Amino acid sequence: MNEDAVKVIKVTRTEFELSDGRIYEHPLPFEPDEVPTVEEFQEFYDHWKNILSFGNGGKASNYG
């Protein structure tokens, strides 16, 4: 599977699951009434994946 095609398929209070089967714990668990939807979490995931990826020349998008 193309890494760019990886999608968030499940989000719980303590972890999230990707379409390639990987499961990650959240650094801090969400409060029960603050768990984002899959669509909301996909936006967070894509944003941070872009910032942390090596393909961006090692620069953060908000760095001058």
PDB file of N, CA and C in Angstrom:
ATOM      1  N   MET A   1       0.846  -1.182   0.000  1.00  0.00           N
ATOM      2  CA  MET A   1       0.000   0.000   0.000  1.00  0.00           C
ATOM      3  C   MET A   1       0.884   1.235   0.000  1.00  0.00           C
ATOM      4  N   ASN A   2       0.559   2.201  -0.828  1.00  0.00           N
ATOM      5  CA  ASN A   2       1.279   3.460  -0.890  1.00  0.00           C
ATOM      6  C   ASN A   2       1.135   4.176   0.448  1.00  0.00           C
ATOM      7  N   GLU A   3       2.248   4.662   0.996  1.00  0.00           N
ATOM      8  CA  GLU A   3       2.211   5.311   2.310  1.00  0.00           C
ATOM      9  C   GLU A   3       1.285   6.519   2.306  1.00  0.00           C
ATOM     10  N   ASP A   4       1.208   7.241   1.170  1.00  0.00           N
ATOM     11  CA  ASP A   4       0.327   8.401   1.090  1.00  0.00           C
ATOM     12  C   ASP A   4      -1.139   8.003   1.134  1.00  0.00           C
ATOM     13  N   ALA A   5      -1.451   6.743   0.826  1.00  0.00           N
ATOM     14  CA  ALA A   5      -2.832   6.279   0.801  1.00  0.00           C
ATOM     15  C   ALA A   5      -3.293   5.769   2.166  1.00  0.00           C
ATOM     16  N   VAL A   6      -2.431   5.784   3.166  1.00  0.00           N
ATOM     17  CA  VAL A   6      -2.801   5.291   4.493  1.00  0.00           C
ATOM     18  C   VAL A   6      -3.857   6.214   5.091  1.00  0.00           C
ATOM     19  N   LYS A   7      -4.927   5.612   5.561  1.00  0.00           N
ATOM     20  CA  LYS A   7      -6.033   6.376   6.136  1.00  0.00           C
ATOM     21  C   LYS A   7      -6.296   5.935   7.566  1.00  0.00           C
ATOM     22  N   VAL A   8      -6.793   6.850   8.353  1.00  0.00           N
ATOM     23  CA  VAL A   8      -7.236   6.549   9.709  1.00  0.00           C
ATOM     24  C   VAL A   8      -8.583   5.846   9.585  1.00  0.00           C
ATOM     25  N   ILE A   9      -8.705   4.666  10.206  1.00  0.00           N
ATOM     26  CA  ILE A   9      -9.971   3.936  10.102  1.00  0.00           C
ATOM     27  C   ILE A   9     -10.700   3.816  11.438  1.00  0.00           C
ATOM     28  N   LYS A  10      -9.986   4.110  12.545  1.00  0.00           N
ATOM     29  CA  LYS A  10     -10.622   3.993  13.859  1.00  0.00           C
ATOM     30  C   LYS A  10      -9.900   4.907  14.839  1.00  0.00           C
ATOM     31  N   VAL A  11     -10.669   5.589  15.668  1.00  0.00           N
ATOM     32  CA  VAL A  11     -10.109   6.446  16.712  1.00  0.00           C
ATOM     33  C   VAL A  11     -10.861   6.148  18.005  1.00  0.00           C
ATOM     34  N   THR A  12     -10.104   5.846  19.053  1.00  0.00           N
ATOM     35  CA  THR A  12     -10.704   5.656  20.369  1.00  0.00           C
ATOM     36  C   THR A  12     -10.092   6.666  21.326  1.00  0.00           C
ATOM     37  N   ARG A  13     -10.487   6.604  22.552  1.00  0.00           N
ATOM     38  CA  ARG A  13      -9.954   7.500  23.582  1.00  0.00           C
ATOM     39  C   ARG A  13      -8.445   7.335  23.750  1.00  0.00           C
ATOM     40  N   THR A  14      -7.928   6.117  23.545  1.00  0.00           N
ATOM     41  CA  THR A  14      -6.527   5.828  23.853  1.00  0.00           C
ATOM     42  C   THR A  14      -5.642   5.522  22.650  1.00  0.00           C
ATOM     43  N   GLU A  15      -6.230   5.241  21.470  1.00  0.00           N
ATOM     44  CA  GLU A  15      -5.405   4.845  20.325  1.00  0.00           C
ATOM     45  C   GLU A  15      -6.116   5.133  19.011  1.00  0.00           C
ATOM     46  N   PHE A  16      -5.336   4.987  17.908  1.00  0.00           N
ATOM     47  CA  PHE A  16      -5.934   5.088  16.581  1.00  0.00           C
ATOM     48  C   PHE A  16      -5.361   3.999  15.697  1.00  0.00           C
ATOM     49  N   GLU A  17      -6.143   3.589  14.707  1.00  0.00           N
ATOM     50  CA  GLU A  17      -5.749   2.510  13.797  1.00  0.00           C
ATOM     51  C   GLU A  17      -5.726   3.033  12.373  1.00  0.00           C
ATOM     52  N   LEU A  18      -4.689   2.594  11.619  1.00  0.00           N
ATOM     53  CA  LEU A  18      -4.543   2.985  10.223  1.00  0.00           C
ATOM     54  C   LEU A  18      -4.972   1.854   9.301  1.00  0.00           C
ATOM     55  N   SER A  19      -5.254   2.194   8.052  1.00  0.00           N
ATOM     56  CA  SER A  19      -5.759   1.220   7.084  1.00  0.00           C
ATOM     57  C   SER A  19      -4.758   0.123   6.752  1.00  0.00           C
ATOM     58  N   ASP A  20      -3.484   0.326   7.079  1.00  0.00           N
ATOM     59  CA  ASP A  20      -2.489  -0.721   6.830  1.00  0.00           C
ATOM     60  C   ASP A  20      -2.310  -1.643   8.039  1.00  0.00           C
ATOM     61  N   GLY A  21      -3.155  -1.472   9.063  1.00  0.00           N
ATOM     62  CA  GLY A  21      -3.129  -2.355  10.228  1.00  0.00           C
ATOM     63  C   GLY A  21      -2.350  -1.838  11.416  1.00  0.00           C
ATOM     64  N   ARG A  22      -1.567  -0.779  11.237  1.00  0.00           N
ATOM     65  CA  ARG A  22      -0.806  -0.233  12.369  1.00  0.00           C
ATOM     66  C   ARG A  22      -1.757   0.418  13.376  1.00  0.00           C
ATOM     67  N   ILE A  23      -1.440   0.227  14.658  1.00  0.00           N
ATOM     68  CA  ILE A  23      -2.213   0.821  15.747  1.00  0.00           C
ATOM     69  C   ILE A  23      -1.237   1.577  16.639  1.00  0.00           C
ATOM     70  N   TYR A  24      -1.579   2.827  16.956  1.00  0.00           N
ATOM     71  CA  TYR A  24      -0.730   3.667  17.789  1.00  0.00           C
ATOM     72  C   TYR A  24      -1.525   4.193  18.975  1.00  0.00           C
ATOM     73  N   GLU A  25      -0.853   4.285  20.118  1.00  0.00           N
ATOM     74  CA  GLU A  25      -1.457   4.923  21.287  1.00  0.00           C
ATOM     75  C   GLU A  25      -1.309   6.432  21.145  1.00  0.00           C
ATOM     76  N   HIS A  26      -2.299   7.183  21.640  1.00  0.00           N
ATOM     77  CA  HIS A  26      -2.185   8.636  21.708  1.00  0.00           C
ATOM     78  C   HIS A  26      -1.194   8.966  22.826  1.00  0.00           C
ATOM     79  N   PRO A  27      -0.373  10.014  22.666  1.00  0.00           N
ATOM     80  CA  PRO A  27       0.549  10.396  23.744  1.00  0.00           C
ATOM     81  C   PRO A  27      -0.196  10.688  25.048  1.00  0.00           C
ATOM     82  N   LEU A  28      -1.343  11.326  24.931  1.00  0.00           N
ATOM     83  CA  LEU A  28      -2.220  11.589  26.071  1.00  0.00           C
ATOM     84  C   LEU A  28      -3.620  11.165  25.658  1.00  0.00           C
ATOM     85  N   PRO A  29      -4.303  10.392  26.484  1.00  0.00           N
ATOM     86  CA  PRO A  29      -5.654   9.953  26.094  1.00  0.00           C
ATOM     87  C   PRO A  29      -6.618  11.133  26.027  1.00  0.00           C
ATOM     88  N   PHE A  30      -7.588  11.025  25.139  1.00  0.00           N
ATOM     89  CA  PHE A  30      -8.649  12.026  25.049  1.00  0.00           C
ATOM     90  C   PHE A  30      -9.642  11.813  26.186  1.00  0.00           C
ATOM     91  N   GLU A  31     -10.297  12.881  26.588  1.00  0.00           N
ATOM     92  CA  GLU A  31     -11.425  12.754  27.503  1.00  0.00           C
ATOM     93  C   GLU A  31     -12.549  12.075  26.726  1.00  0.00           C
ATOM     94  N   PRO A  32     -13.404  11.315  27.386  1.00  0.00           N
ATOM     95  CA  PRO A  32     -14.460  10.589  26.665  1.00  0.00           C
ATOM     96  C   PRO A  32     -15.317  11.465  25.757  1.00  0.00           C
ATOM     97  N   ASP A  33     -15.580  12.697  26.160  1.00  0.00           N
ATOM     98  CA  ASP A  33     -16.420  13.576  25.343  1.00  0.00           C
ATOM     99  C   ASP A  33     -15.629  14.397  24.326  1.00  0.00           C
ATOM    100  N   GLU A  34     -14.309  14.150  24.205  1.00  0.00           N
ATOM    101  CA  GLU A  34     -13.465  14.907  23.285  1.00  0.00           C
ATOM    102  C   GLU A  34     -12.826  14.046  22.199  1.00  0.00           C
ATOM    103  N   VAL A  35     -13.212  12.791  22.073  1.00  0.00           N
ATOM    104  CA  VAL A  35     -12.624  11.909  21.055  1.00  0.00           C
ATOM    105  C   VAL A  35     -13.044  12.426  19.683  1.00  0.00           C
ATOM    106  N   PRO A  36     -12.067  12.744  18.808  1.00  0.00           N
ATOM    107  CA  PRO A  36     -12.421  13.256  17.486  1.00  0.00           C
ATOM    108  C   PRO A  36     -13.010  12.163  16.597  1.00  0.00           C
ATOM    109  N   THR A  37     -13.731  12.590  15.575  1.00  0.00           N
ATOM    110  CA  THR A  37     -14.224  11.638  14.581  1.00  0.00           C
ATOM    111  C   THR A  37     -13.046  11.157  13.743  1.00  0.00           C
ATOM    112  N   VAL A  38     -13.253  10.102  12.982  1.00  0.00           N
ATOM    113  CA  VAL A  38     -12.206   9.603  12.081  1.00  0.00           C
ATOM    114  C   VAL A  38     -11.790  10.712  11.117  1.00  0.00           C
ATOM    115  N   GLU A  39     -12.751  11.443  10.579  1.00  0.00           N
ATOM    116  CA  GLU A  39     -12.457  12.512   9.624  1.00  0.00           C
ATOM    117  C   GLU A  39     -11.639  13.628  10.273  1.00  0.00           C
ATOM    118  N   GLU A  40     -12.006  14.028  11.491  1.00  0.00           N
ATOM    119  CA  GLU A  40     -11.253  15.061  12.201  1.00  0.00           C
ATOM    120  C   GLU A  40      -9.831  14.592  12.489  1.00  0.00           C
ATOM    121  N   PHE A  41      -9.693  13.350  12.942  1.00  0.00           N
ATOM    122  CA  PHE A  41      -8.368  12.845  13.278  1.00  0.00           C
ATOM    123  C   PHE A  41      -7.518  12.675  12.024  1.00  0.00           C
ATOM    124  N   GLN A  42      -8.126  12.339  10.887  1.00  0.00           N
ATOM    125  CA  GLN A  42      -7.386  12.223   9.625  1.00  0.00           C
ATOM    126  C   GLN A  42      -6.717  13.557   9.291  1.00  0.00           C
ATOM    127  N   GLU A  43      -7.407  14.658   9.547  1.00  0.00           N
ATOM    128  CA  GLU A  43      -6.819  15.980   9.306  1.00  0.00           C
ATOM    129  C   GLU A  43      -5.600  16.199  10.192  1.00  0.00           C
ATOM    130  N   PHE A  44      -5.687  15.855  11.490  1.00  0.00           N
ATOM    131  CA  PHE A  44      -4.532  15.968  12.390  1.00  0.00           C
ATOM    132  C   PHE A  44      -3.385  15.093  11.894  1.00  0.00           C
ATOM    133  N   TYR A  45      -3.709  13.854  11.550  1.00  0.00           N
ATOM    134  CA  TYR A  45      -2.701  12.890  11.109  1.00  0.00           C
ATOM    135  C   TYR A  45      -1.975  13.404   9.868  1.00  0.00           C
ATOM    136  N   ASP A  46      -2.733  13.846   8.867  1.00  0.00           N
ATOM    137  CA  ASP A  46      -2.127  14.345   7.627  1.00  0.00           C
ATOM    138  C   ASP A  46      -1.259  15.569   7.888  1.00  0.00           C
ATOM    139  N   HIS A  47      -1.727  16.471   8.738  1.00  0.00           N
ATOM    140  CA  HIS A  47      -0.975  17.684   9.067  1.00  0.00           C
ATOM    141  C   HIS A  47       0.378  17.336   9.691  1.00  0.00           C
ATOM    142  N   TRP A  48       0.368  16.497  10.723  1.00  0.00           N
ATOM    143  CA  TRP A  48       1.609  16.165  11.416  1.00  0.00           C
ATOM    144  C   TRP A  48       2.499  15.249  10.593  1.00  0.00           C
ATOM    145  N   LYS A  49       1.905  14.383   9.784  1.00  0.00           N
ATOM    146  CA  LYS A  49       2.710  13.538   8.899  1.00  0.00           C
ATOM    147  C   LYS A  49       3.489  14.411   7.925  1.00  0.00           C
ATOM    148  N   ASN A  50       2.860  15.441   7.395  1.00  0.00           N
ATOM    149  CA  ASN A  50       3.515  16.356   6.471  1.00  0.00           C
ATOM    150  C   ASN A  50       4.657  17.105   7.161  1.00  0.00           C
ATOM    151  N   ILE A  51       4.429  17.592   8.365  1.00  0.00           N
ATOM    152  CA  ILE A  51       5.464  18.329   9.094  1.00  0.00           C
ATOM    153  C   ILE A  51       6.644  17.434   9.439  1.00  0.00           C
ATOM    154  N   LEU A  52       6.369  16.206   9.841  1.00  0.00           N
ATOM    155  CA  LEU A  52       7.426  15.312  10.311  1.00  0.00           C
ATOM    156  C   LEU A  52       8.076  14.479   9.217  1.00  0.00           C
ATOM    157  N   SER A  53       7.562  14.530   8.003  1.00  0.00           N
ATOM    158  CA  SER A  53       8.123  13.689   6.938  1.00  0.00           C
ATOM    159  C   SER A  53       9.471  14.238   6.484  1.00  0.00           C
ATOM    160  N   PHE A  54      10.337  13.338   6.040  1.00  0.00           N
ATOM    161  CA  PHE A  54      11.657  13.724   5.562  1.00  0.00           C
ATOM    162  C   PHE A  54      11.591  14.348   4.179  1.00  0.00           C
ATOM    163  N   GLY A  55      10.500  14.177   3.471  1.00  0.00           N
ATOM    164  CA  GLY A  55      10.360  14.694   2.117  1.00  0.00           C
ATOM    165  C   GLY A  55      10.156  16.189   2.031  1.00  0.00           C
ATOM    166  N   ASN A  56      10.043  16.876   3.158  1.00  0.00           N
ATOM    167  CA  ASN A  56       9.806  18.316   3.107  1.00  0.00           C
ATOM    168  C   ASN A  56      11.090  19.121   3.263  1.00  0.00           C
ATOM    169  N   GLY A  57      12.235  18.509   3.058  1.00  0.00           N
ATOM    170  CA  GLY A  57      13.501  19.211   3.153  1.00  0.00           C
ATOM    171  C   GLY A  57      13.943  19.490   4.576  1.00  0.00           C
ATOM    172  N   GLY A  58      13.288  18.872   5.545  1.00  0.00           N
ATOM    173  CA  GLY A  58      13.675  19.045   6.935  1.00  0.00           C
ATOM    174  C   GLY A  58      13.218  20.349   7.551  1.00  0.00           C
ATOM    175  N   LYS A  59      12.319  21.067   6.879  1.00  0.00           N
ATOM    176  CA  LYS A  59      11.838  22.337   7.402  1.00  0.00           C
ATOM    177  C   LYS A  59      10.382  22.216   7.818  1.00  0.00           C
ATOM    178  N   ALA A  60      10.077  22.815   8.937  1.00  0.00           N
ATOM    179  CA  ALA A  60       8.677  22.875   9.361  1.00  0.00           C
ATOM    180  C   ALA A  60       7.951  23.879   8.478  1.00  0.00           C
ATOM    181  N   SER A  61       6.687  23.623   8.196  1.00  0.00           N
ATOM    182  CA  SER A  61       5.941  24.477   7.279  1.00  0.00           C
ATOM    183  C   SER A  61       5.755  25.897   7.806  1.00  0.00           C
ATOM    184  N   ASN A  62       5.848  26.110   9.110  1.00  0.00           N
ATOM    185  CA  ASN A  62       5.669  27.451   9.663  1.00  0.00           C
ATOM    186  C   ASN A  62       6.999  28.098  10.035  1.00  0.00           C
ATOM    187  N   TYR A  63       8.093  27.558   9.542  1.00  0.00           N
ATOM    188  CA  TYR A  63       9.414  28.094   9.865  1.00  0.00           C
ATOM    189  C   TYR A  63       9.892  28.940   8.704  1.00  0.00           C
ATOM    190  N   GLY A  64      10.260  30.207   8.992  1.00  0.00           N
ATOM    191  CA  GLY A  64      10.670  31.208   8.020  1.00  0.00           C
ATOM    192  C   GLY A  64      11.626  30.751   7.043  1.00  0.00           C
TER     193      GLY A  64
END
